[in-house]
Amino acid sequence: MNSVAATTAKPLPKVEHPAAEALRMFMRNPSAIAGMVMLFIVLAVSIVGPWVYPADPFEIRTAPLTPPFSEDAILGSDYLGRDVLTTLIYGGRATLLVGAVAALLSVLIGITLGAMAGYYRGRVDAALMRVTEFFQVLPALLFAMVVVTLFSPSLVTVTLAIGIVSWTGTARLTRAEFMKYRDLEFVRAEHAIGARDRRIIWKVILPNALPPLIVSATLAVGAAILFEAGLSFLGLGDPNQMSWGLMIGSSRQYVLSCWWAVAFPGAAIFITVLAVSLIGDGLNDALNPKLRER
């Protein structure tokens, strides 16, 4: 009888780790893969390009307003005679660096304040949310312009300005996630065994709240790149560092006679932000259990 039961018993289904399942779902998303490929190409050109194509992006190398596909300039030259291909390669480094670091700074500020507000609630929550609302109603671009102008335009000040004005969305998302997990059984169990608040916040609740925060951080990179391009377009970027926004801003008066000096960096910004957005959407589909079941 036991042998019959043993032969008819079905093996238990193999349980897939959530991280492995999320990775599998992400790799099955064609849009996310396309975004990864585009972002890899942009990063490769911006990082490896200066070693393969060493040059000074501010050097005048040919006649001004040289059209694309010329012998002296593959992508043409701007109104000063600077090679557009060189400025495009070197400008990507500053744009991507500022976008990534500013997004990281905004995410760190948002997670820290949102975690404190969502976990402690009460007066702490009320005070931190008033601060969040204050920054949320401020004109972000105008406030960043004031900060950059007061402390002189540079990569550091531009990065800090973008990070300071763009953390509010992450803070509200983190607060909502912490309020959702704060009263669940596994958190109460940590309280029962006498765990400290620091451990509960950073080692118990935060790992469970990470999926939507990862998506938010990914999308913040694209927003920071656009923000940096806007500041550089207005002449508030670092004048000693070539960037895509600086290329567009310096050539905006010659857009009709020198369209390529504006079109190529604009296309680079568009492709980069599109790639980051596609990756963010793919992560959202992979990390969201409700979307994963569809």
Protein backbone atom coordinates (compact mmCIF):
# COMPACT_ATOMS: atom_id res chain seq x y z
CA MET A 1 0.00 0.00 0.00
CA ASN A 2 2.82 2.37 0.91
CA SER A 3 4.69 1.50 -2.27
CA VAL A 4 1.62 2.33 -4.36
CA ALA A 5 1.22 5.66 -2.62
CA ALA A 6 4.90 6.39 -3.15
CA THR A 7 4.70 5.64 -6.84
CA THR A 8 1.58 7.76 -7.36
CA ALA A 9 2.80 10.75 -5.33
CA LYS A 10 3.64 13.72 -7.49
CA PRO A 11 6.90 15.63 -6.94
CA LEU A 12 6.58 19.05 -5.37
CA PRO A 13 6.78 21.91 -7.87
CA LYS A 14 10.07 23.76 -7.88
CA VAL A 15 9.76 27.20 -6.33
CA GLU A 16 11.66 29.88 -8.26
CA HIS A 17 13.52 32.57 -6.34
CA PRO A 18 11.79 35.97 -6.72
CA ALA A 19 14.99 37.58 -8.00
CA ALA A 20 15.47 34.87 -10.62
CA GLU A 21 11.83 35.16 -11.67
CA ALA A 22 12.12 38.95 -11.97
CA LEU A 23 15.28 38.60 -14.06
CA ARG A 24 13.58 36.06 -16.32
CA MET A 25 10.60 38.36 -16.81
CA PHE A 26 12.89 41.30 -17.51
CA MET A 27 14.88 39.39 -20.12
CA ARG A 28 11.63 38.37 -21.84
CA ASN A 29 10.63 42.01 -22.29
CA PRO A 30 11.71 43.17 -25.79
CA SER A 31 11.40 46.86 -24.90
CA ALA A 32 13.62 46.46 -21.85
CA ILE A 33 16.25 44.58 -23.88
CA ALA A 34 16.16 47.31 -26.54
CA GLY A 35 16.67 49.90 -23.81
CA MET A 36 19.62 47.95 -22.42
CA VAL A 37 21.23 47.75 -25.84
CA MET A 38 20.78 51.46 -26.50
CA LEU A 39 22.11 52.43 -23.10
CA PHE A 40 25.10 50.10 -23.50
CA ILE A 41 25.97 51.73 -26.83
CA VAL A 42 25.71 55.23 -25.34
CA LEU A 43 27.85 54.26 -22.34
CA ALA A 44 30.41 52.51 -24.54
CA VAL A 45 30.78 55.52 -26.83
CA SER A 46 31.00 57.97 -23.92
CA ILE A 47 33.47 55.91 -21.86
CA VAL A 48 35.62 54.23 -24.50
CA GLY A 49 35.31 56.95 -27.14
CA PRO A 50 37.85 59.38 -25.62
CA TRP A 51 40.53 56.66 -25.69
CA VAL A 52 39.72 55.59 -29.24
CA TYR A 53 39.25 59.14 -30.52
CA PRO A 54 41.53 61.38 -28.37
CA ALA A 55 40.97 65.08 -28.99
CA ASP A 56 40.12 68.36 -27.30
CA PRO A 57 36.36 69.03 -27.62
CA PHE A 58 36.96 72.80 -27.41
CA GLU A 59 39.61 72.83 -30.13
CA ILE A 60 38.76 74.59 -33.40
CA ARG A 61 39.57 71.94 -36.00
CA THR A 62 37.93 73.07 -39.23
CA ALA A 63 35.98 75.88 -40.84
CA PRO A 64 32.82 77.01 -39.03
CA LEU A 65 29.47 75.59 -40.14
CA THR A 66 31.01 72.68 -42.03
CA PRO A 67 28.14 70.34 -43.01
CA PRO A 68 28.07 66.67 -41.97
CA PHE A 69 29.86 63.91 -43.90
CA SER A 70 32.68 66.22 -44.89
CA GLU A 71 36.31 65.10 -45.08
CA ASP A 72 37.39 67.22 -42.10
CA ALA A 73 34.33 66.57 -39.92
CA ILE A 74 32.18 63.45 -40.14
CA LEU A 75 29.26 65.02 -38.27
CA GLY A 76 30.11 68.58 -39.29
CA SER A 77 31.33 71.50 -37.18
CA ASP A 78 29.55 74.13 -35.11
CA TYR A 79 29.62 77.90 -35.50
CA LEU A 80 33.16 78.08 -34.08
CA GLY A 81 34.59 75.23 -36.11
CA ARG A 82 34.61 72.63 -33.33
CA ASP A 83 34.12 69.05 -34.45
CA VAL A 84 30.60 67.89 -33.56
CA LEU A 85 31.62 64.23 -33.28
CA THR A 86 34.33 65.08 -30.76
CA THR A 87 32.06 67.28 -28.68
CA LEU A 88 29.34 64.61 -28.82
CA ILE A 89 31.67 61.90 -27.51
CA TYR A 90 33.21 64.00 -24.75
CA GLY A 91 29.92 65.70 -23.88
CA GLY A 92 28.33 62.37 -23.07
CA ARG A 93 30.69 61.80 -20.16
CA ALA A 94 29.65 64.94 -18.28
CA THR A 95 25.94 64.53 -19.07
CA LEU A 96 25.80 60.88 -17.98
CA LEU A 97 27.94 61.50 -14.89
CA VAL A 98 25.80 64.38 -13.68
CA GLY A 99 22.60 62.46 -14.43
CA ALA A 100 23.68 59.32 -12.57
CA VAL A 101 25.16 61.07 -9.51
CA ALA A 102 22.29 63.57 -9.21
CA ALA A 103 19.75 60.74 -9.44
CA LEU A 104 21.66 58.79 -6.77
CA LEU A 105 21.72 61.84 -4.50
CA SER A 106 17.99 62.48 -4.93
CA VAL A 107 17.18 58.82 -4.25
CA LEU A 108 19.31 58.76 -1.09
CA ILE A 109 17.66 61.91 0.26
CA GLY A 110 14.19 60.70 -0.67
CA ILE A 111 14.62 57.22 0.83
CA THR A 112 16.09 58.58 4.07
CA LEU A 113 13.38 61.17 4.68
CA GLY A 114 10.57 58.94 3.42
CA ALA A 115 11.69 56.04 5.60
CA MET A 116 11.81 58.23 8.70
CA ALA A 117 8.37 59.68 7.98
CA GLY A 118 6.72 56.35 7.18
CA TYR A 119 8.23 54.47 10.10
CA TYR A 120 7.91 56.95 12.98
CA ARG A 121 4.70 58.65 11.80
CA GLY A 122 3.20 61.24 14.14
CA ARG A 123 5.10 64.48 14.53
CA VAL A 124 8.12 63.20 12.63
CA ASP A 125 5.93 62.34 9.66
CA ALA A 126 4.12 65.68 9.80
CA ALA A 127 7.37 67.68 9.98
CA LEU A 128 9.13 65.79 7.18
CA MET A 129 6.07 65.94 4.93
CA ARG A 130 5.88 69.71 5.40
CA VAL A 131 9.49 69.92 4.27
CA THR A 132 8.69 67.68 1.32
CA GLU A 133 5.70 69.80 0.34
CA PHE A 134 7.83 72.95 0.58
CA PHE A 135 10.33 71.57 -1.94
CA GLN A 136 7.55 70.11 -4.06
CA VAL A 137 5.81 73.46 -4.61
CA LEU A 138 9.07 75.27 -5.39
CA PRO A 139 9.75 75.83 -9.10
CA ALA A 140 12.46 73.18 -9.47
CA LEU A 141 14.23 74.74 -12.44
CA LEU A 142 14.17 78.24 -10.93
CA PHE A 143 15.48 77.01 -7.57
CA ALA A 144 18.25 75.03 -9.27
CA MET A 145 19.19 78.10 -11.30
CA VAL A 146 19.48 80.15 -8.09
CA VAL A 147 21.68 77.51 -6.43
CA VAL A 148 23.98 77.20 -9.45
CA THR A 149 24.24 80.98 -9.82
CA LEU A 150 25.08 81.54 -6.14
CA PHE A 151 27.84 78.91 -6.03
CA SER A 152 29.17 79.37 -9.60
CA PRO A 153 28.40 76.85 -12.37
CA SER A 154 30.36 73.61 -12.14
CA LEU A 155 29.66 69.89 -12.35
CA VAL A 156 29.48 69.68 -8.55
CA THR A 157 27.03 72.55 -8.09
CA VAL A 158 24.85 71.40 -10.99
CA THR A 159 24.74 67.86 -9.57
CA LEU A 160 23.90 69.10 -6.07
CA ALA A 161 21.24 71.46 -7.39
CA ILE A 162 19.51 68.70 -9.35
CA GLY A 163 19.68 66.27 -6.44
CA ILE A 164 18.31 68.81 -3.97
CA VAL A 165 15.21 69.68 -6.01
CA SER A 166 14.25 66.22 -7.32
CA TRP A 167 13.94 63.96 -4.26
CA THR A 168 10.32 64.63 -3.27
CA GLY A 169 8.71 61.93 -5.42
CA THR A 170 11.03 59.25 -4.03
CA ALA A 171 10.34 60.44 -0.48
CA ARG A 172 6.57 60.11 -0.89
CA LEU A 173 6.91 56.68 -2.50
CA THR A 174 9.21 55.46 0.29
CA ARG A 175 6.85 56.80 2.96
CA ALA A 176 3.93 54.94 1.42
CA GLU A 177 5.90 51.68 1.25
CA PHE A 178 7.06 51.96 4.88
CA MET A 179 3.55 52.70 6.09
CA LYS A 180 2.37 49.59 4.25
CA TYR A 181 4.98 47.28 5.79
CA ARG A 182 5.28 48.84 9.26
CA ASP A 183 2.40 46.91 10.88
CA LEU A 184 2.91 43.54 9.19
CA GLU A 185 3.69 40.42 11.21
CA PHE A 186 7.39 40.10 10.35
CA VAL A 187 8.00 43.68 11.47
CA ARG A 188 6.08 43.11 14.71
CA ALA A 189 8.20 40.04 15.31
CA GLU A 190 11.35 42.18 15.07
CA HIS A 191 9.86 44.57 17.64
CA ALA A 192 9.03 41.64 19.88
CA ILE A 193 12.60 40.37 19.98
CA GLY A 194 13.87 43.86 20.80
CA ALA A 195 15.39 44.84 17.47
CA ARG A 196 16.49 48.45 17.16
CA ASP A 197 14.72 50.89 14.92
CA ARG A 198 17.80 51.24 12.74
CA ARG A 199 17.85 47.53 12.00
CA ILE A 200 14.11 47.39 11.33
CA ILE A 201 14.23 50.37 8.97
CA TRP A 202 17.31 49.51 6.91
CA LYS A 203 17.51 45.70 7.13
CA VAL A 204 13.91 44.56 7.50
CA ILE A 205 11.49 46.99 5.84
CA LEU A 206 13.71 48.62 3.20
CA PRO A 207 14.68 45.37 1.38
CA ASN A 208 10.97 44.58 0.98
CA ALA A 209 10.21 48.10 -0.24
CA LEU A 210 13.04 48.18 -2.80
CA PRO A 211 11.25 47.05 -6.02
CA PRO A 212 9.26 50.27 -6.63
CA LEU A 213 12.20 52.34 -5.39
CA ILE A 214 14.51 50.71 -7.93
CA VAL A 215 12.10 51.64 -10.70
CA SER A 216 11.87 55.19 -9.34
CA ALA A 217 15.67 55.47 -9.21
CA THR A 218 15.97 54.30 -12.81
CA LEU A 219 13.50 56.89 -14.05
CA ALA A 220 15.23 59.55 -11.93
CA VAL A 221 18.36 59.13 -14.05
CA GLY A 222 16.49 60.15 -17.20
CA ALA A 223 14.90 63.12 -15.44
CA ALA A 224 18.30 64.25 -14.13
CA ILE A 225 19.82 64.05 -17.63
CA LEU A 226 17.04 66.26 -18.99
CA PHE A 227 17.47 68.64 -16.05
CA GLU A 228 21.20 68.96 -16.66
CA ALA A 229 20.62 69.53 -20.36
CA GLY A 230 18.14 72.28 -19.52
CA LEU A 231 20.55 74.07 -17.18
CA SER A 232 23.38 73.81 -19.71
CA PHE A 233 21.07 75.05 -22.45
CA LEU A 234 20.39 78.15 -20.33
CA GLY A 235 24.12 78.74 -19.89
CA LEU A 236 24.25 77.51 -16.27
CA GLY A 237 26.33 74.40 -16.90
CA ASP A 238 30.05 74.06 -16.32
CA PRO A 239 31.67 76.14 -19.11
CA ASN A 240 34.87 74.11 -18.79
CA GLN A 241 33.16 70.76 -19.38
CA MET A 242 31.56 69.87 -22.67
CA SER A 243 28.05 68.43 -22.36
CA TRP A 244 25.16 67.73 -24.69
CA GLY A 245 23.12 70.55 -23.21
CA LEU A 246 26.01 72.97 -23.66
CA MET A 247 26.29 71.93 -27.32
CA ILE A 248 22.62 72.70 -27.91
CA GLY A 249 22.67 75.93 -25.95
CA SER A 250 25.76 77.35 -27.62
CA SER A 251 24.41 76.62 -31.12
CA ARG A 252 20.76 77.55 -30.64
CA GLN A 253 21.19 80.86 -32.49
CA TYR A 254 22.47 78.98 -35.54
CA VAL A 255 19.84 76.25 -35.62
CA LEU A 256 18.74 77.12 -39.17
CA SER A 257 22.23 77.38 -40.69
CA CYS A 258 23.87 74.75 -38.44
CA TRP A 259 21.08 72.31 -37.58
CA TRP A 260 23.44 69.36 -37.11
CA ALA A 261 25.14 71.00 -34.11
CA VAL A 262 21.75 70.92 -32.34
CA ALA A 263 20.18 67.80 -33.85
CA PHE A 264 22.95 65.31 -32.98
CA PRO A 265 23.25 66.14 -29.24
CA GLY A 266 19.45 66.39 -29.07
CA ALA A 267 19.20 62.92 -30.56
CA ALA A 268 21.77 61.63 -28.06
CA ILE A 269 19.71 63.00 -25.15
CA PHE A 270 16.53 61.55 -26.63
CA ILE A 271 18.04 58.08 -27.14
CA THR A 272 19.56 58.02 -23.64
CA VAL A 273 16.38 59.10 -21.86
CA LEU A 274 14.31 56.70 -23.98
CA ALA A 275 16.67 53.83 -23.10
CA VAL A 276 16.45 54.60 -19.38
CA SER A 277 12.65 54.85 -19.58
CA LEU A 278 12.38 51.49 -21.37
CA ILE A 279 14.59 49.88 -18.72
CA GLY A 280 12.47 51.45 -15.98
CA ASP A 281 9.26 50.12 -17.54
CA GLY A 282 10.84 46.69 -17.86
CA LEU A 283 11.89 46.70 -14.22
CA ASN A 284 8.41 47.79 -13.21
CA ASP A 285 6.86 44.86 -15.08
CA ALA A 286 9.41 42.42 -13.68
CA LEU A 287 9.35 43.57 -10.05
CA ASN A 288 5.60 44.20 -9.73
CA PRO A 289 3.90 40.92 -8.70
CA LYS A 290 0.51 42.01 -10.08
CA LEU A 291 1.99 42.81 -13.50
CA ARG A 292 4.15 39.69 -13.40
CA GLU A 293 1.09 37.43 -13.23
CA ARG A 294 -0.45 38.80 -16.44
